[in-house]
Protein backbone atom coordinates (compact mmCIF):
# COMPACT_ATOMS: atom_id res chain seq x y z
CA MET A 1 14.72 -19.98 -0.73
CA SER A 2 15.55 -18.94 2.77
CA ASN A 3 12.78 -18.29 5.89
CA PRO A 4 10.53 -15.73 5.27
CA GLU A 5 11.64 -12.20 6.90
CA PHE A 6 8.60 -10.32 9.02
CA LEU A 7 9.84 -6.89 8.56
CA ARG A 8 8.48 -3.41 10.51
CA VAL A 9 9.42 -0.61 8.76
CA PRO A 10 10.23 2.94 11.60
CA GLY A 11 7.92 6.10 10.76
CA ALA A 12 5.66 3.97 8.75
CA PRO A 13 2.03 3.39 9.99
CA GLN A 14 1.51 1.52 13.63
CA PRO A 15 0.04 -1.63 12.44
CA ARG A 16 -3.77 -1.70 14.04
CA GLY A 17 -3.72 -5.04 14.13
CA PRO A 18 -1.41 -8.70 14.30
CA PHE A 19 0.42 -8.36 11.29
CA SER A 20 3.73 -6.73 9.76
CA HIS A 21 4.33 -3.94 7.19
CA ALA A 22 6.04 -6.21 5.04
CA VAL A 23 6.75 -9.11 4.61
CA ARG A 24 10.28 -10.86 2.31
CA ALA A 25 9.99 -14.37 0.68
CA GLY A 26 12.29 -14.54 -1.29
CA ASP A 27 12.89 -11.89 -4.05
CA PHE A 28 8.95 -10.91 -3.76
CA LEU A 29 8.29 -8.15 -0.58
CA PHE A 30 4.21 -8.22 0.52
CA ILE A 31 3.53 -5.43 1.75
CA SER A 32 0.65 -5.30 3.97
CA GLY A 33 -2.89 -3.11 3.51
CA GLN A 34 -2.58 0.13 4.01
CA GLY A 35 -5.07 2.91 4.28
CA PRO A 36 -5.21 7.28 4.76
CA ILE A 37 -3.02 7.92 7.89
CA ASP A 38 -0.90 10.48 7.80
CA LEU A 39 3.53 9.47 8.34
CA ALA A 40 3.10 13.32 10.63
CA THR A 41 0.82 11.31 12.88
CA ASP A 42 0.20 8.22 12.61
CA GLN A 43 -3.07 8.68 13.10
CA PHE A 44 -6.48 8.34 9.85
CA SER A 45 -7.29 11.14 7.68
CA PHE A 46 -10.28 10.81 6.28
CA GLY A 47 -11.53 13.02 2.87
CA ASP A 48 -12.39 12.96 -0.62
CA ILE A 49 -10.77 9.32 -2.81
CA GLN A 50 -7.75 11.45 -3.93
CA HIS A 51 -6.97 12.49 -1.00
CA GLU A 52 -7.62 8.88 0.78
CA THR A 53 -5.59 7.29 -1.54
CA ARG A 54 -2.30 9.53 -1.98
CA LEU A 55 -2.46 9.32 2.03
CA THR A 56 -2.08 5.36 1.19
CA LEU A 57 0.42 5.32 -0.93
CA GLU A 58 2.22 7.77 0.63
CA CYS A 59 2.78 5.54 3.39
CA ILE A 60 3.02 2.21 0.95
CA ARG A 61 6.45 3.60 -0.45
CA HIS A 62 7.26 4.61 2.66
CA ILE A 63 6.90 1.26 3.70
CA LEU A 64 8.81 0.30 -0.01
CA HIS A 65 11.85 2.27 0.49
CA GLY A 66 12.57 0.99 3.90
CA CYS A 67 12.45 -2.54 2.76
CA GLY A 68 14.89 -1.16 -0.37
CA ALA A 69 12.58 -0.95 -2.67
CA THR A 70 10.50 1.90 -4.92
CA MET A 71 7.38 1.73 -6.26
CA GLU A 72 9.02 1.00 -9.75
CA ASP A 73 9.68 -2.75 -8.47
CA VAL A 74 5.71 -3.31 -7.45
CA VAL A 75 4.45 -6.06 -9.72
CA LYS A 76 0.57 -6.76 -8.14
CA CYS A 77 -1.37 -4.42 -6.31
CA SER A 78 -5.08 -4.95 -4.65
CA VAL A 79 -7.00 -2.09 -4.24
CA PHE A 80 -9.93 -2.28 -1.72
CA LEU A 81 -12.89 0.44 -2.49
CA THR A 82 -15.89 1.05 -0.30
CA ASP A 83 -18.03 3.08 -2.82
CA PRO A 84 -17.28 1.63 -6.46
CA ALA A 85 -18.38 5.80 -7.95
CA ASP A 86 -15.08 6.50 -6.45
CA PHE A 87 -12.94 4.67 -8.90
CA ALA A 88 -11.99 7.71 -11.11
CA GLY A 89 -11.03 9.60 -8.31
CA MET A 90 -9.00 7.08 -7.56
CA ASN A 91 -7.46 6.10 -10.33
CA GLU A 92 -6.62 9.37 -11.62
CA ILE A 93 -4.31 10.16 -8.16
CA TYR A 94 -3.03 6.47 -8.75
CA GLN A 95 -1.29 6.97 -11.63
CA GLN A 96 0.59 9.31 -10.66
CA TYR A 97 2.05 6.77 -8.28
CA PHE A 98 2.72 4.30 -11.20
CA PRO A 99 3.32 6.68 -14.14
CA LEU A 100 6.61 4.83 -15.98
CA THR A 101 5.35 1.37 -14.80
CA ALA A 102 1.32 -0.09 -14.33
CA PRO A 103 1.62 -2.94 -11.53
CA ALA A 104 -1.18 -5.99 -12.77
CA ARG A 105 -4.23 -4.85 -10.35
CA THR A 106 -7.41 -5.78 -8.85
CA THR A 107 -9.81 -3.30 -7.73
CA VAL A 108 -12.88 -4.67 -5.59
CA GLN A 109 -15.45 -3.39 -3.35
CA THR A 110 -15.74 -3.87 -0.45
CA GLY A 111 -15.94 -3.06 3.65
CA MET A 112 -13.43 -1.40 5.71
CA VAL A 113 -12.65 -2.18 9.25
CA ALA A 114 -12.44 1.50 9.73
CA LYS A 115 -16.54 2.24 8.21
CA VAL A 116 -15.26 5.52 6.82
CA MET A 117 -12.47 4.72 5.67
CA ARG A 118 -12.46 5.24 1.40
CA VAL A 119 -9.70 3.23 0.23
CA GLU A 120 -7.35 0.03 1.72
CA ILE A 121 -4.89 -0.78 -0.98
CA ASP A 122 -1.33 -3.75 -0.58
CA CYS A 123 1.17 -4.78 -2.59
CA ILE A 124 3.43 -7.01 -4.15
CA ALA A 125 6.84 -5.96 -4.95
CA TYR A 126 9.31 -7.58 -6.94
CA VAL A 127 12.85 -6.77 -5.97
CA ALA A 128 16.07 -9.32 -7.16
CA GLN A 129 18.18 -9.83 -3.79
CA LYS A 130 22.02 -9.75 -3.69
CA SER A 131 23.03 -13.54 -3.77
């Protein structure tokens, strides 16, 4: 296996800390946790859980695309919610982004660094590298 690649994707939200958008390690892409950031403005856009989930998954889709992957390549997601009552609303939007595949998933309740943020999602994708 080659050394990991630490990736920054043009047009993706600027990391709000010392981390990469993604890390490629062999055939796996590890996408850092994303929140409700509007790709057009690179600013947080808070609202109801459906709005925040949609923006979060658009950020993930953008990063995956920039790394040569798609949502269909995602094998695992971790979803972090501040309020478990938001589960159904998050799930409604989440299913729209994975209509053909159902990645393994963990969903937990937690606090967020941005106190008003309702959701954060990270994921792992599998993309076989050409030899």
